[in-house]
Amino acid sequence: QVPLVESGGGLVQPGGSLRLSCATSDYIFTWYNMAWYRQSPGKEREMVAELPRSGGDPNYGDFVKGRFTVSKSRADNALILQMNSLKPEDSAVYFCNAESSRGVNHWGKGTLVTVSS
C-alpha cells in the first residue's frame, strides 16, 4: 500500500494554474510533517513547500515568490499545493513527502507538471 498518492499534474500554459493533491492515511496526515518537493531532469530534488504537523507557518522554496500555496484538506486527508503564475522552469516531477518526528520518511511516486506553450 502506497502511503502517499499524488495527483493533479499535467500540461499547462505559462501563467496558468494547477492544483496538486497528495492523498494519504489519517495517521500520516495527523502525525507527520508533510511537504512537496520537485525534481527536473539533471537537477537535484528541491523543496517546494513544507507544512509542519503542528500547524505552524509553511515554508516555501525561494523560487516560489508568493505564487504557490500549500494547505491541508482534512476532509480528504490530503496535502494540497495550489500553483499559480506557472513558469516553464516550474516543469518537473512533483513529489509528496511525509516525515515523522522519529525520521520515518515516505515518498510518493510523483506527478509530472509541464509548463509549456
C-alpha atoms as a PDB file:
ATOM      1  CA  GLN A   1       0.000   0.000   0.000  1.00  0.00           C
ATOM      2  CA  VAL A   2       1.451   3.317  -1.128  1.00  0.00           C
ATOM      3  CA  PRO A   3       1.089   5.767   1.758  1.00  0.00           C
ATOM      4  CA  LEU A   4       1.245   8.883  -0.432  1.00  0.00           C
ATOM      5  CA  VAL A   5      -0.554   9.252  -3.769  1.00  0.00           C
ATOM      6  CA  GLU A   6      -0.106  12.418  -5.815  1.00  0.00           C
ATOM      7  CA  SER A   7      -2.491  13.693  -8.472  1.00  0.00           C
ATOM      8  CA  GLY A   8      -3.258  16.855 -10.398  1.00  0.00           C
ATOM      9  CA  GLY A   9      -0.232  17.186 -12.627  1.00  0.00           C
ATOM     10  CA  GLY A  10      -0.475  17.866 -16.330  1.00  0.00           C
ATOM     11  CA  LEU A  11       0.281  20.278 -19.136  1.00  0.00           C
ATOM     12  CA  VAL A  12      -0.436  23.950 -18.576  1.00  0.00           C
ATOM     13  CA  GLN A  13       0.467  27.121 -20.415  1.00  0.00           C
ATOM     14  CA  PRO A  14       2.790  29.714 -18.856  1.00  0.00           C
ATOM     15  CA  GLY A  15       0.842  31.889 -16.455  1.00  0.00           C
ATOM     16  CA  GLY A  16      -1.638  29.127 -15.789  1.00  0.00           C
ATOM     17  CA  SER A  17      -2.527  27.274 -12.600  1.00  0.00           C
ATOM     18  CA  LEU A  18      -2.555  23.724 -11.314  1.00  0.00           C
ATOM     19  CA  ARG A  19      -3.725  22.173  -8.058  1.00  0.00           C
ATOM     20  CA  LEU A  20      -1.768  19.175  -6.849  1.00  0.00           C
ATOM     21  CA  SER A  21      -3.121  16.811  -4.240  1.00  0.00           C
ATOM     22  CA  CYS A  22      -1.376  14.210  -2.103  1.00  0.00           C
ATOM     23  CA  ALA A  23      -3.768  11.721  -0.559  1.00  0.00           C
ATOM     24  CA  THR A  24      -2.649   9.803   2.477  1.00  0.00           C
ATOM     25  CA  SER A  25      -3.842   7.958   5.541  1.00  0.00           C
ATOM     26  CA  ASP A  26      -5.418   9.628   8.517  1.00  0.00           C
ATOM     27  CA  TYR A  27      -2.413   8.605  10.636  1.00  0.00           C
ATOM     28  CA  ILE A  28       0.174  10.196   8.369  1.00  0.00           C
ATOM     29  CA  PHE A  29      -1.992  13.250   7.835  1.00  0.00           C
ATOM     30  CA  THR A  30      -2.233  13.779  11.580  1.00  0.00           C
ATOM     31  CA  TRP A  31       1.227  12.858  12.829  1.00  0.00           C
ATOM     32  CA  TYR A  32       3.708  13.582  10.041  1.00  0.00           C
ATOM     33  CA  ASN A  33       5.248  16.742   8.731  1.00  0.00           C
ATOM     34  CA  MET A  34       4.352  16.930   5.063  1.00  0.00           C
ATOM     35  CA  ALA A  35       5.973  18.633   2.120  1.00  0.00           C
ATOM     36  CA  TRP A  36       6.143  18.966  -1.645  1.00  0.00           C
ATOM     37  CA  TYR A  37       9.421  18.543  -3.499  1.00  0.00           C
ATOM     38  CA  ARG A  38      10.191  18.670  -7.191  1.00  0.00           C
ATOM     39  CA  GLN A  39      12.882  17.374  -9.484  1.00  0.00           C
ATOM     40  CA  SER A  40      13.732  18.331 -13.042  1.00  0.00           C
ATOM     41  CA  PRO A  41      15.990  16.264 -15.341  1.00  0.00           C
ATOM     42  CA  GLY A  42      19.616  16.786 -14.409  1.00  0.00           C
ATOM     43  CA  LYS A  43      18.782  18.701 -11.251  1.00  0.00           C
ATOM     44  CA  GLU A  44      18.659  17.766  -7.596  1.00  0.00           C
ATOM     45  CA  ARG A  45      15.369  17.347  -5.828  1.00  0.00           C
ATOM     46  CA  GLU A  46      14.372  20.612  -4.135  1.00  0.00           C
ATOM     47  CA  MET A  47      11.854  21.572  -1.505  1.00  0.00           C
ATOM     48  CA  VAL A  48       8.827  23.435  -2.846  1.00  0.00           C
ATOM     49  CA  ALA A  49       6.694  23.815   0.270  1.00  0.00           C
ATOM     50  CA  GLU A  50       6.512  22.217   3.678  1.00  0.00           C
ATOM     51  CA  LEU A  51       3.799  22.263   6.296  1.00  0.00           C
ATOM     52  CA  PRO A  52       4.597  21.308   9.890  1.00  0.00           C
ATOM     53  CA  ARG A  53       2.379  18.790  11.646  1.00  0.00           C
ATOM     54  CA  SER A  54       1.980  21.269  14.476  1.00  0.00           C
ATOM     55  CA  GLY A  55       0.118  23.652  12.218  1.00  0.00           C
ATOM     56  CA  GLY A  56       2.829  26.276  12.144  1.00  0.00           C
ATOM     57  CA  ASP A  57       3.584  28.548   9.236  1.00  0.00           C
ATOM     58  CA  PRO A  58       4.506  26.864   5.972  1.00  0.00           C
ATOM     59  CA  ASN A  59       7.928  27.237   4.419  1.00  0.00           C
ATOM     60  CA  TYR A  60       8.489  27.720   0.708  1.00  0.00           C
ATOM     61  CA  GLY A  61      11.405  27.462  -1.640  1.00  0.00           C
ATOM     62  CA  ASP A  62      12.856  30.821  -2.623  1.00  0.00           C
ATOM     63  CA  PHE A  63      11.711  30.356  -6.209  1.00  0.00           C
ATOM     64  CA  VAL A  64       8.040  30.232  -5.155  1.00  0.00           C
ATOM     65  CA  LYS A  65       7.880  34.004  -4.523  1.00  0.00           C
ATOM     66  CA  GLY A  66       4.233  34.059  -3.471  1.00  0.00           C
ATOM     67  CA  ARG A  67       2.949  32.018  -6.409  1.00  0.00           C
ATOM     68  CA  PHE A  68       2.203  28.743  -4.592  1.00  0.00           C
ATOM     69  CA  THR A  69       0.140  27.957  -1.530  1.00  0.00           C
ATOM     70  CA  VAL A  70       0.361  24.743   0.500  1.00  0.00           C
ATOM     71  CA  SER A  71      -2.504  23.605   2.685  1.00  0.00           C
ATOM     72  CA  LYS A  72      -4.174  20.558   4.151  1.00  0.00           C
ATOM     73  CA  SER A  73      -7.622  19.196   3.443  1.00  0.00           C
ATOM     74  CA  ARG A  74      -8.864  17.313   6.473  1.00  0.00           C
ATOM     75  CA  ALA A  75     -11.929  16.139   4.586  1.00  0.00           C
ATOM     76  CA  ASP A  76      -9.730  14.370   2.036  1.00  0.00           C
ATOM     77  CA  ASN A  77      -6.690  13.629   4.250  1.00  0.00           C
ATOM     78  CA  ALA A  78      -4.678  15.387   1.572  1.00  0.00           C
ATOM     79  CA  LEU A  79      -1.834  17.849   1.244  1.00  0.00           C
ATOM     80  CA  ILE A  80      -2.686  20.441  -1.382  1.00  0.00           C
ATOM     81  CA  LEU A  81      -0.366  22.592  -3.495  1.00  0.00           C
ATOM     82  CA  GLN A  82      -2.073  25.391  -5.374  1.00  0.00           C
ATOM     83  CA  MET A  83       0.279  26.692  -8.035  1.00  0.00           C
ATOM     84  CA  ASN A  84      -0.435  29.943  -9.848  1.00  0.00           C
ATOM     85  CA  SER A  85       1.506  32.022 -12.368  1.00  0.00           C
ATOM     86  CA  LEU A  86       3.367  28.951 -13.522  1.00  0.00           C
ATOM     87  CA  LYS A  87       6.574  29.333 -15.480  1.00  0.00           C
ATOM     88  CA  PRO A  88       8.358  26.928 -17.839  1.00  0.00           C
ATOM     89  CA  GLU A  89      11.059  26.488 -15.193  1.00  0.00           C
ATOM     90  CA  ASP A  90       8.419  25.055 -12.858  1.00  0.00           C
ATOM     91  CA  SER A  91       8.235  21.984 -15.092  1.00  0.00           C
ATOM     92  CA  ALA A  92       9.263  18.974 -13.008  1.00  0.00           C
ATOM     93  CA  VAL A  93       8.053  15.850 -11.318  1.00  0.00           C
ATOM     94  CA  TYR A  94       6.437  16.920  -8.065  1.00  0.00           C
ATOM     95  CA  PHE A  95       6.747  14.532  -5.142  1.00  0.00           C
ATOM     96  CA  CYS A  96       4.867  14.397  -1.876  1.00  0.00           C
ATOM     97  CA  ASN A  97       6.885  13.697   1.266  1.00  0.00           C
ATOM     98  CA  ALA A  98       5.906  12.832   4.813  1.00  0.00           C
ATOM     99  CA  GLU A  99       8.346  12.583   7.697  1.00  0.00           C
ATOM    100  CA  SER A 100       7.669  11.611  11.291  1.00  0.00           C
ATOM    101  CA  SER A 101       9.370  13.096  14.329  1.00  0.00           C
ATOM    102  CA  ARG A 102      11.417   9.898  14.508  1.00  0.00           C
ATOM    103  CA  GLY A 103      12.719  10.308  10.975  1.00  0.00           C
ATOM    104  CA  VAL A 104      10.464   7.797   9.239  1.00  0.00           C
ATOM    105  CA  ASN A 105      10.232   9.055   5.680  1.00  0.00           C
ATOM    106  CA  HIS A 106       7.716   8.325   2.931  1.00  0.00           C
ATOM    107  CA  TRP A 107       7.740   9.460  -0.685  1.00  0.00           C
ATOM    108  CA  GLY A 108       5.040   9.329  -3.289  1.00  0.00           C
ATOM    109  CA  LYS A 109       5.708   8.268  -6.877  1.00  0.00           C
ATOM    110  CA  GLY A 110       5.327  11.803  -8.166  1.00  0.00           C
ATOM    111  CA  THR A 111       3.155  13.671 -10.627  1.00  0.00           C
ATOM    112  CA  LEU A 112       4.502  15.365 -13.743  1.00  0.00           C
ATOM    113  CA  VAL A 113       3.948  19.087 -14.274  1.00  0.00           C
ATOM    114  CA  THR A 114       4.780  20.531 -17.676  1.00  0.00           C
ATOM    115  CA  VAL A 115       4.534  24.261 -18.294  1.00  0.00           C
ATOM    116  CA  SER A 116       4.742  24.995 -21.984  1.00  0.00           C
ATOM    117  CA  SER A 117       3.011  26.929 -24.705  1.00  0.00           C
END
